[in-house]
Each structure stands twice: as C-alpha cells, then as structure tokens.
C-alpha cells in the first residue's frame, strides 16, 4: 500500500483542476481579528515564470527574491538567479529519472537535493558551484527505506527522514552542509503505528523550527500524528493532529512561525476536493492542535508562513491556493491553479511549484 501511494504522488492528475489559471483575492472586509496586523486589506496572486518544461516540480527552495531552485519527478533540477525571468537546467548528469522531491539551497551556488524512492532510488546530492558539478553524498542501501523530506536548522546542520524501518522512522543527519550523512540512533524515536508513513509531496513533512526544534508530520493512520524534537532529531515526543486520516490521507506539511505558533495542512489523496480535516493550528509549540474553523478548500500538500506578515501563511495543492491571516484558524482561497510546494525566503519572496512546469512568485499588495 505504501509503495502504491508513493507512486500516486508522482502521477496524480486531478480531474477538473485548473493548471493554468492564476487569480487573486482581496481580504478587505474580513473581521478585524483576521486582518494582517490591523493594517488593512491584503491581496495575493501568483505570477507564473517561464520554465520551458511540463515536468512536475515538487522539490523547491526559495533562497531570495532573485534565486530559487526546483527539482522534478523526472530527474531535472532548474535554477533561476534573475527572479524567474530565466531558468537553467543544472542537475546532476547520468542519474536517470530520479524523483527529486526536496531541495534545500542556501545560495545560488550551494544546494542539497533529495531523490525519493525505494531502496537505492533514495539519494542525496550536493553542489557548491551552482550545479556545475554534484557529489552523491548519500545513497540508501535498505530496500525497506524510502526517504521523504529534508530539513536544515542551519546551513550546516540538517536531517533527512525515511518512512519507518523496523517500526520507527529513520533519520540521517548532516553537520557539514549535506556533504556527509550519518544514521541517527533510533532509540529516541517513538514507535510508528503499523500503517504510518510520511508524504514525499512538498519537502515539508519534516521542518526545522527555531533553535534545535524539528517537526515531523505523518499520515496513513487515523488520526495522523505530529512528532516534535527539541534536540535536532535525537529524541522525540508525539501527539495527534485533527487532520483527516486514512490509508491515503494525513498531515502533509507542518510549519512553525516561531516557538509557539504552527500550522499543519493535508487531506486525502483519494478525494482531493474534500475540505474536511485539511487544516489545523497550534499555539503551544505543537503539543496540542486545534482544527481550523474554516479549512483550506481541498487537499493541500505544501505550506509556508509569509515573512514580515504577522499570522499570515499560504497553503497550496492541486485544486488551488489558500491564505490564512489568523495563524491557521481560518483560510480563504485566492487561486485555482495547481501547485505542490510553496516556500518563502527571508527577504520576503514566496515561490510555488508544481505540475505542468508551473513555478510562480507570489505578488502581495494592499
């Protein structure tokens, strides 16, 4: 079942989903508590960029307003250094059609990419020269492992997570920017449930919080769960989240704005238009979770907080994009186009990527 769901993530086509449209929504007229810092209305829209391809980009890293990297399900890595005006193929050669589900970049020169797949198809590559050359830093040698996501707490320190092996989620750790990886002792990881796994959908099933905090969102069970580590992945606590759960559903993306406020989005791959149980929020660091009173309108695979905008985050999926201005309590749809991943950079730029070669920048106006 797990293998088939992973393949579904690679080829999902949503009947009726709009993959070329963009749109916007004005949040003027919302209740005062749903405003953005009390400073008036906010309008969001996506501006598509010309990637010149129809591949599906689940891997995404937003470095700045000018620099972004994307990775496709077909072994392609693209990079822009001019704000999306042009994209250049910079991926490793001779690798075949690996599924690059996560990209973690710190500049236009340094990037780490994760290929997800069974056995040796799960790999990590690193470049320090903008993709002119790549080093294979890790290759999985366990047929039972399947790596889903990476998260870096600093430019040097990062984790990569695999679905459970031997009854626990498996972690690899780097302390040198992705050049070498070592197995984290599984002793500190709580047992996984029988059908539990993580979704390699947007690179945000595993995410780094402030300090040494890391979060892991799971699915395949009812209810889904959220794992929290305060020591960079060496010991964990686990709680449930009020997101729809089933063999094809769960929590796909977890994000924290600060030490206290977090959001989880997800849904059901088998019913991507269903909006029940697609969003939840926490204000105590992830120890307890509350269902959104107005949820994202359909399954959502990726999410990101907007820098410099208090309580504002966006979520994306194959049926559209949603925004919250009250830290996940309520969501409003602002676009009907298909995206899989969304990332925002420290300078305030937000990028989204998905099927049909779609990569876009978020336009925010008041």
Protein backbone atom coordinates (compact mmCIF):
# COMPACT_ATOMS: atom_id res chain seq x y z
CA UNK A 1 0.00 0.00 0.00
CA UNK A 2 2.76 2.46 0.91
CA UNK A 3 4.61 1.92 -2.36
CA UNK A 4 1.45 2.43 -4.41
CA UNK A 5 0.66 5.67 -2.57
CA UNK A 6 4.17 6.94 -3.25
CA UNK A 7 3.70 6.25 -6.94
CA UNK A 8 0.33 8.05 -6.84
CA UNK A 9 2.12 11.13 -5.54
CA UNK A 10 4.28 11.05 -8.63
CA UNK A 11 1.48 10.85 -11.17
CA UNK A 12 -1.65 12.31 -9.54
CA UNK A 13 -3.89 14.04 -12.07
CA UNK A 14 -6.87 15.90 -10.69
CA UNK A 15 -9.97 15.86 -12.84
CA UNK A 16 -11.25 19.38 -13.28
CA UNK A 17 -8.32 21.08 -11.58
CA UNK A 18 -7.17 24.27 -13.29
CA UNK A 19 -3.48 24.12 -14.02
CA UNK A 20 -3.02 27.33 -15.97
CA UNK A 21 -5.12 29.89 -14.17
CA UNK A 22 -3.97 32.46 -11.68
CA UNK A 23 -6.08 34.66 -9.55
CA UNK A 24 -6.19 36.91 -6.55
CA UNK A 25 -8.31 37.65 -3.55
CA UNK A 26 -8.73 40.82 -1.57
CA UNK A 27 -9.03 40.27 2.15
CA UNK A 28 -10.60 43.66 2.77
CA UNK A 29 -13.79 43.32 4.72
CA UNK A 30 -12.55 40.44 6.87
CA UNK A 31 -13.20 40.71 10.59
CA UNK A 32 -10.61 42.92 12.32
CA UNK A 33 -9.00 39.94 14.07
CA UNK A 34 -8.41 38.28 10.65
CA UNK A 35 -6.57 41.28 9.23
CA UNK A 36 -2.83 41.47 8.73
CA UNK A 37 -1.52 43.24 11.78
CA UNK A 38 -4.52 45.58 11.65
CA UNK A 39 -3.10 47.37 8.62
CA UNK A 40 -5.88 46.97 6.13
CA UNK A 41 -6.61 44.74 3.18
CA UNK A 42 -4.21 42.26 1.60
CA UNK A 43 -4.32 41.00 -1.98
CA UNK A 44 -2.45 37.90 -3.15
CA UNK A 45 -1.86 36.47 -6.63
CA UNK A 46 0.62 34.18 -8.36
CA UNK A 47 2.80 35.37 -11.24
CA UNK A 48 3.92 32.42 -13.38
CA UNK A 49 7.51 32.23 -14.64
CA UNK A 50 8.68 30.60 -17.91
CA UNK A 51 10.38 27.30 -17.01
CA UNK A 52 10.09 25.97 -20.56
CA UNK A 53 9.08 22.48 -19.43
CA UNK A 54 6.00 20.47 -18.48
CA UNK A 55 7.67 18.45 -15.71
CA UNK A 56 6.27 18.30 -12.18
CA UNK A 57 8.30 20.19 -9.59
CA UNK A 58 7.68 19.01 -6.02
CA UNK A 59 11.17 19.98 -4.86
CA UNK A 60 11.50 23.72 -4.21
CA UNK A 61 13.90 26.01 -2.38
CA UNK A 62 13.37 29.77 -2.18
CA UNK A 63 16.72 31.45 -1.47
CA UNK A 64 15.71 35.04 -2.21
CA UNK A 65 13.62 37.20 -4.49
CA UNK A 66 16.20 36.50 -7.22
CA UNK A 67 17.34 32.93 -6.54
CA UNK A 68 15.28 29.74 -6.42
CA UNK A 69 15.83 26.05 -7.17
CA UNK A 70 13.30 23.39 -8.21
CA UNK A 71 13.54 19.61 -8.62
CA UNK A 72 11.24 17.44 -10.74
CA UNK A 73 9.86 13.91 -10.60
CA UNK A 74 11.88 13.18 -13.75
CA UNK A 75 15.41 13.93 -12.55
CA UNK A 76 15.58 17.59 -13.58
CA UNK A 77 16.91 20.43 -11.43
CA UNK A 78 16.38 24.03 -12.52
CA UNK A 79 17.78 27.23 -11.04
CA UNK A 80 16.98 30.89 -11.55
CA UNK A 81 19.20 33.78 -10.45
CA UNK A 82 17.13 36.56 -12.02
CA UNK A 83 13.84 36.26 -10.20
CA UNK A 84 12.37 33.66 -12.55
CA UNK A 85 12.91 35.53 -15.82
CA UNK A 86 15.07 32.61 -16.97
CA UNK A 87 15.60 29.06 -15.70
CA UNK A 88 18.66 26.91 -16.39
CA UNK A 89 18.98 23.13 -16.04
CA UNK A 90 21.76 22.49 -13.51
CA UNK A 91 21.05 18.97 -12.24
CA UNK A 92 23.45 16.05 -11.98
CA UNK A 93 24.01 14.04 -15.16
CA UNK A 94 23.75 10.32 -15.74
CA UNK A 95 21.23 9.67 -12.97
CA UNK A 96 18.12 8.70 -14.92
CA UNK A 97 14.64 9.80 -13.91
CA UNK A 98 15.10 10.14 -10.17
CA UNK A 99 12.27 11.82 -8.27
CA UNK A 100 13.70 14.96 -6.68
CA UNK A 101 11.09 15.66 -4.00
CA UNK A 102 13.06 18.12 -1.82
CA UNK A 103 15.61 20.86 -2.45
CA UNK A 104 17.44 22.77 0.29
CA UNK A 105 19.60 25.63 -1.01
CA UNK A 106 21.44 28.42 0.80
CA UNK A 107 22.67 30.44 -2.19
CA UNK A 108 22.91 30.41 -5.95
CA UNK A 109 25.91 28.07 -5.59
CA UNK A 110 25.09 25.67 -2.72
CA UNK A 111 22.16 23.24 -2.84
CA UNK A 112 21.25 19.81 -1.47
CA UNK A 113 18.69 17.69 -3.35
CA UNK A 114 16.82 14.61 -2.16
CA UNK A 115 15.66 11.87 -4.52
CA UNK A 116 12.79 9.85 -3.05
CA UNK A 117 12.23 6.22 -3.92
CA UNK A 118 12.51 2.63 -2.76
CA UNK A 119 15.92 1.23 -1.97
CA UNK A 120 18.77 2.83 -3.89
CA UNK A 121 16.45 5.33 -5.58
CA UNK A 122 16.58 7.34 -2.34
CA UNK A 123 19.69 9.51 -2.67
CA UNK A 124 21.11 12.89 -1.69
CA UNK A 125 23.30 15.04 -3.95
CA UNK A 126 25.12 18.28 -3.07
CA UNK A 127 26.65 21.06 -5.17
CA UNK A 128 28.86 24.02 -4.19
CA UNK A 129 29.24 25.55 -7.64
CA UNK A 130 25.70 26.23 -8.80
CA UNK A 131 25.19 22.77 -10.27
CA UNK A 132 28.30 22.68 -12.47
CA UNK A 133 29.27 19.58 -10.50
CA UNK A 134 27.47 17.37 -7.99
CA UNK A 135 28.58 14.88 -5.36
CA UNK A 136 26.42 11.93 -4.37
CA UNK A 137 26.53 12.38 -0.61
CA UNK A 138 24.17 9.56 0.37
CA UNK A 139 22.56 6.53 -1.24
CA UNK A 140 20.11 4.36 0.65
CA UNK A 141 21.06 0.67 0.82
CA UNK A 142 17.98 -0.64 2.65
CA UNK A 143 15.14 -1.92 0.46
CA UNK A 144 12.65 -1.12 3.24
CA UNK A 145 13.61 2.56 3.48
CA UNK A 146 12.02 5.37 1.47
CA UNK A 147 13.24 8.93 2.13
CA UNK A 148 10.60 11.65 2.04
CA UNK A 149 11.88 15.04 3.21
CA UNK A 150 14.85 17.04 4.47
CA UNK A 151 15.05 19.96 6.90
CA UNK A 152 18.01 22.19 7.77
CA UNK A 153 18.14 24.11 11.06
CA UNK A 154 21.34 25.91 9.99
CA UNK A 155 23.25 25.97 6.70
CA UNK A 156 25.40 23.15 8.11
CA UNK A 157 23.00 21.01 10.16
CA UNK A 158 20.20 19.02 8.56
CA UNK A 159 18.09 15.89 8.76
CA UNK A 160 16.52 13.56 6.19
CA UNK A 161 13.64 11.28 7.15
CA UNK A 162 12.61 7.88 5.81
CA UNK A 163 9.36 6.03 6.30
CA UNK A 164 9.54 3.54 9.20
CA UNK A 165 12.12 0.78 9.13
CA UNK A 166 11.99 -1.73 11.94
CA UNK A 167 9.00 0.02 13.44
CA UNK A 168 10.43 3.56 13.69
CA UNK A 169 11.00 6.49 11.37
CA UNK A 170 14.62 6.51 10.20
CA UNK A 171 16.73 9.70 10.22
CA UNK A 172 20.02 10.63 8.57
CA UNK A 173 21.95 13.63 9.91
CA UNK A 174 24.48 16.03 8.36
CA UNK A 175 26.65 18.58 10.15
CA UNK A 176 28.60 19.82 7.11
CA UNK A 177 26.01 21.26 4.77
CA UNK A 178 24.90 17.97 3.25
CA UNK A 179 28.29 16.61 2.20
CA UNK A 180 28.22 13.64 4.59
CA UNK A 181 25.34 11.88 6.35
CA UNK A 182 25.13 9.50 9.30
CA UNK A 183 22.34 7.43 10.81
CA UNK A 184 20.66 8.92 13.88
CA UNK A 185 20.31 6.46 16.75
CA UNK A 186 16.66 5.28 16.53
CA UNK A 187 16.45 4.81 20.30
CA UNK A 188 14.93 8.26 20.81
CA UNK A 189 12.18 7.84 18.19
CA UNK A 190 8.73 6.69 19.42
CA UNK A 191 7.35 3.58 17.67
CA UNK A 192 5.46 4.15 14.43
CA UNK A 193 1.98 2.73 14.02
CA UNK A 194 1.50 -0.19 11.64
CA UNK A 195 0.45 1.81 8.53
CA UNK A 196 2.05 5.15 9.41
CA UNK A 197 4.34 6.95 6.98
CA UNK A 198 5.27 10.45 5.75
CA UNK A 199 4.33 12.05 2.44
CA UNK A 200 7.06 12.98 -0.06
CA UNK A 201 4.81 15.63 -1.57
CA UNK A 202 6.45 19.01 -0.97
CA UNK A 203 9.55 18.57 1.16
CA UNK A 204 7.70 19.88 4.23
CA UNK A 205 6.66 16.71 6.06
CA UNK A 206 9.86 17.41 8.04
CA UNK A 207 10.60 21.01 9.00
CA UNK A 208 13.03 22.84 11.28
CA UNK A 209 11.74 25.28 13.87
CA UNK A 210 13.64 27.76 15.97
CA UNK A 211 16.75 26.64 17.82
CA UNK A 212 17.12 22.88 17.85
CA UNK A 213 13.43 22.11 17.25
CA UNK A 214 12.29 19.81 14.43
CA UNK A 215 8.78 18.68 13.46
CA UNK A 216 7.63 15.59 11.55
CA UNK A 217 4.09 15.22 10.16
CA UNK A 218 2.69 11.79 9.29
CA UNK A 219 -0.27 10.07 7.66
CA UNK A 220 -1.67 6.69 6.72
CA UNK A 221 -3.35 6.43 10.12
CA UNK A 222 -6.40 7.98 11.80
CA UNK A 223 -5.75 10.38 13.38
CA UNK A 224 -2.42 11.50 11.87
CA UNK A 225 0.39 12.41 14.22
CA UNK A 226 2.98 15.15 14.76
CA UNK A 227 6.42 14.32 16.17
CA UNK A 228 8.38 17.06 17.96
CA UNK A 229 12.10 17.03 18.76
CA UNK A 230 13.88 19.67 20.84
CA UNK A 231 17.41 18.34 20.20
CA UNK A 232 17.76 18.25 16.40
CA UNK A 233 16.08 14.88 15.97
CA UNK A 234 17.71 12.73 18.62
CA UNK A 235 14.71 12.39 20.94
CA UNK A 236 11.04 12.92 20.11
CA UNK A 237 7.58 13.33 21.60
CA UNK A 238 4.44 12.61 19.60
CA UNK A 239 0.84 13.86 19.59
CA UNK A 240 -2.18 13.57 17.31
CA UNK A 241 -3.41 16.28 14.94
CA UNK A 242 -7.06 16.89 13.87
CA UNK A 243 -6.41 16.27 10.16
CA UNK A 244 -8.34 13.68 8.14
CA UNK A 245 -6.63 10.30 8.33
CA UNK A 246 -6.83 7.11 6.27
CA UNK A 247 -4.50 4.91 4.20
CA UNK A 248 -4.40 7.75 1.62
CA UNK A 249 -4.74 10.76 3.94
CA UNK A 250 -2.95 12.62 6.65
CA UNK A 251 -0.78 15.60 7.54
CA UNK A 252 1.34 16.53 4.54
CA UNK A 253 3.02 19.76 5.64
CA UNK A 254 3.97 21.28 9.00
CA UNK A 255 5.30 24.82 9.51
CA UNK A 256 6.08 26.95 12.57
CA UNK A 257 6.28 30.76 12.58
CA UNK A 258 8.03 30.87 15.95
CA UNK A 259 8.45 28.69 19.03
CA UNK A 260 4.70 28.64 19.66
CA UNK A 261 2.60 29.13 16.53
CA UNK A 262 2.37 26.36 13.93
CA UNK A 263 0.13 25.09 11.16
CA UNK A 264 -0.46 21.68 9.61
CA UNK A 265 -2.20 21.13 6.27
CA UNK A 266 -3.09 17.93 4.45
CA UNK A 267 -6.08 15.97 3.27
CA UNK A 268 -6.93 12.90 1.24
CA UNK A 269 -5.14 11.95 -1.99
CA UNK A 270 -8.16 9.84 -2.94
CA UNK A 271 -10.53 12.84 -2.65
CA UNK A 272 -8.51 16.00 -3.33
CA UNK A 273 -11.53 18.33 -3.44
CA UNK A 274 -12.75 17.37 0.06
CA UNK A 275 -12.13 20.17 2.57
CA UNK A 276 -12.94 18.38 5.82
CA UNK A 277 -9.88 17.99 8.03
CA UNK A 278 -7.40 19.83 5.80
CA UNK A 279 -6.02 22.35 8.30
CA UNK A 280 -5.05 22.63 11.97
CA UNK A 281 -3.16 25.05 14.20
CA UNK A 282 -1.15 25.09 17.42
CA UNK A 283 -0.13 27.92 19.73
CA UNK A 284 1.90 25.90 22.24
CA UNK A 285 4.79 24.64 20.16
CA UNK A 286 2.96 21.65 18.71
CA UNK A 287 1.99 19.85 21.90
CA UNK A 288 -1.72 20.40 21.23
CA UNK A 289 -3.62 21.05 17.99
CA UNK A 290 -6.98 22.54 17.03
CA UNK A 291 -8.94 22.10 13.78
CA UNK A 292 -9.28 25.16 11.57
CA UNK A 293 -12.82 26.55 11.78
CA UNK A 294 -12.63 27.37 8.05
CA UNK A 295 -10.33 24.91 6.32
CA UNK A 296 -8.35 25.08 3.08
CA UNK A 297 -10.67 24.22 0.17
CA UNK A 298 -9.29 20.79 -0.66
CA UNK A 299 -6.21 18.64 -0.10
CA UNK A 300 -3.10 20.78 0.44
CA UNK A 301 0.42 19.39 0.16
CA UNK A 302 2.57 22.44 0.99
CA UNK A 303 2.51 25.48 3.24
CA UNK A 304 4.66 28.43 4.27
CA UNK A 305 4.49 31.45 6.55
CA UNK A 306 4.90 34.82 4.86
CA UNK A 307 7.91 36.67 6.29
CA UNK A 308 7.22 40.11 7.77
CA UNK A 309 3.44 39.45 7.83
CA UNK A 310 2.14 38.53 11.26
CA UNK A 311 -0.15 35.46 11.34
CA UNK A 312 -0.18 35.12 7.51
CA UNK A 313 0.55 31.81 5.77
CA UNK A 314 -0.30 30.21 2.43
CA UNK A 315 -1.12 26.61 1.53
CA UNK A 316 -1.10 25.02 -1.92
CA UNK A 317 -2.43 21.89 -3.58
CA UNK A 318 -3.67 20.56 -6.93
CA UNK A 319 -7.02 22.39 -6.65
CA UNK A 320 -5.78 25.80 -5.56
CA UNK A 321 -4.09 28.05 -3.02
CA UNK A 322 -5.38 29.38 0.29
CA UNK A 323 -4.28 32.06 2.73
CA UNK A 324 -4.75 32.43 6.46
CA UNK A 325 -4.37 35.78 8.21
CA UNK A 326 -5.10 34.46 11.70
CA UNK A 327 -2.39 31.82 12.14
CA UNK A 328 -4.39 28.92 10.72
CA UNK A 329 -7.76 29.46 12.38
CA UNK A 330 -9.47 30.29 9.08
CA UNK A 331 -8.46 30.02 5.42
CA UNK A 332 -9.59 31.76 2.20
CA UNK A 333 -8.95 30.52 -1.35
CA UNK A 334 -7.19 33.02 -3.62
CA UNK A 335 -6.16 30.93 -6.65
CA UNK A 336 -7.44 27.87 -8.52
CA UNK A 337 -4.21 26.78 -10.22
CA UNK A 338 -2.33 23.62 -9.29
CA UNK A 339 0.80 23.75 -7.12
CA UNK A 340 2.51 21.15 -4.93
CA UNK A 341 5.05 23.19 -2.96
CA UNK A 342 5.45 26.69 -1.56
CA UNK A 343 8.49 28.27 0.10
CA UNK A 344 9.23 31.81 1.31
CA UNK A 345 12.69 33.33 1.69
CA UNK A 346 13.98 35.56 4.48
CA UNK A 347 13.79 38.65 2.25
CA UNK A 348 10.03 38.20 1.86
CA UNK A 349 9.78 36.47 -1.52
CA UNK A 350 7.46 33.46 -1.86
CA UNK A 351 7.69 30.86 -4.63
CA UNK A 352 5.39 27.96 -5.59
CA UNK A 353 5.96 24.98 -7.89
CA UNK A 354 4.00 22.06 -9.27
CA UNK A 355 2.79 20.16 -12.31
CA UNK A 356 2.99 21.21 -15.96
CA UNK A 357 6.24 23.08 -15.25
CA UNK A 358 4.43 25.63 -13.11
CA UNK A 359 6.69 27.83 -10.98
CA UNK A 360 5.37 31.16 -9.74
CA UNK A 361 6.16 34.08 -7.43
CA UNK A 362 3.64 35.48 -5.01
CA UNK A 363 2.54 39.07 -5.58
CA UNK A 364 1.37 40.77 -2.37
CA UNK A 365 -0.34 44.14 -2.47
CA UNK A 366 -2.57 46.26 -0.27
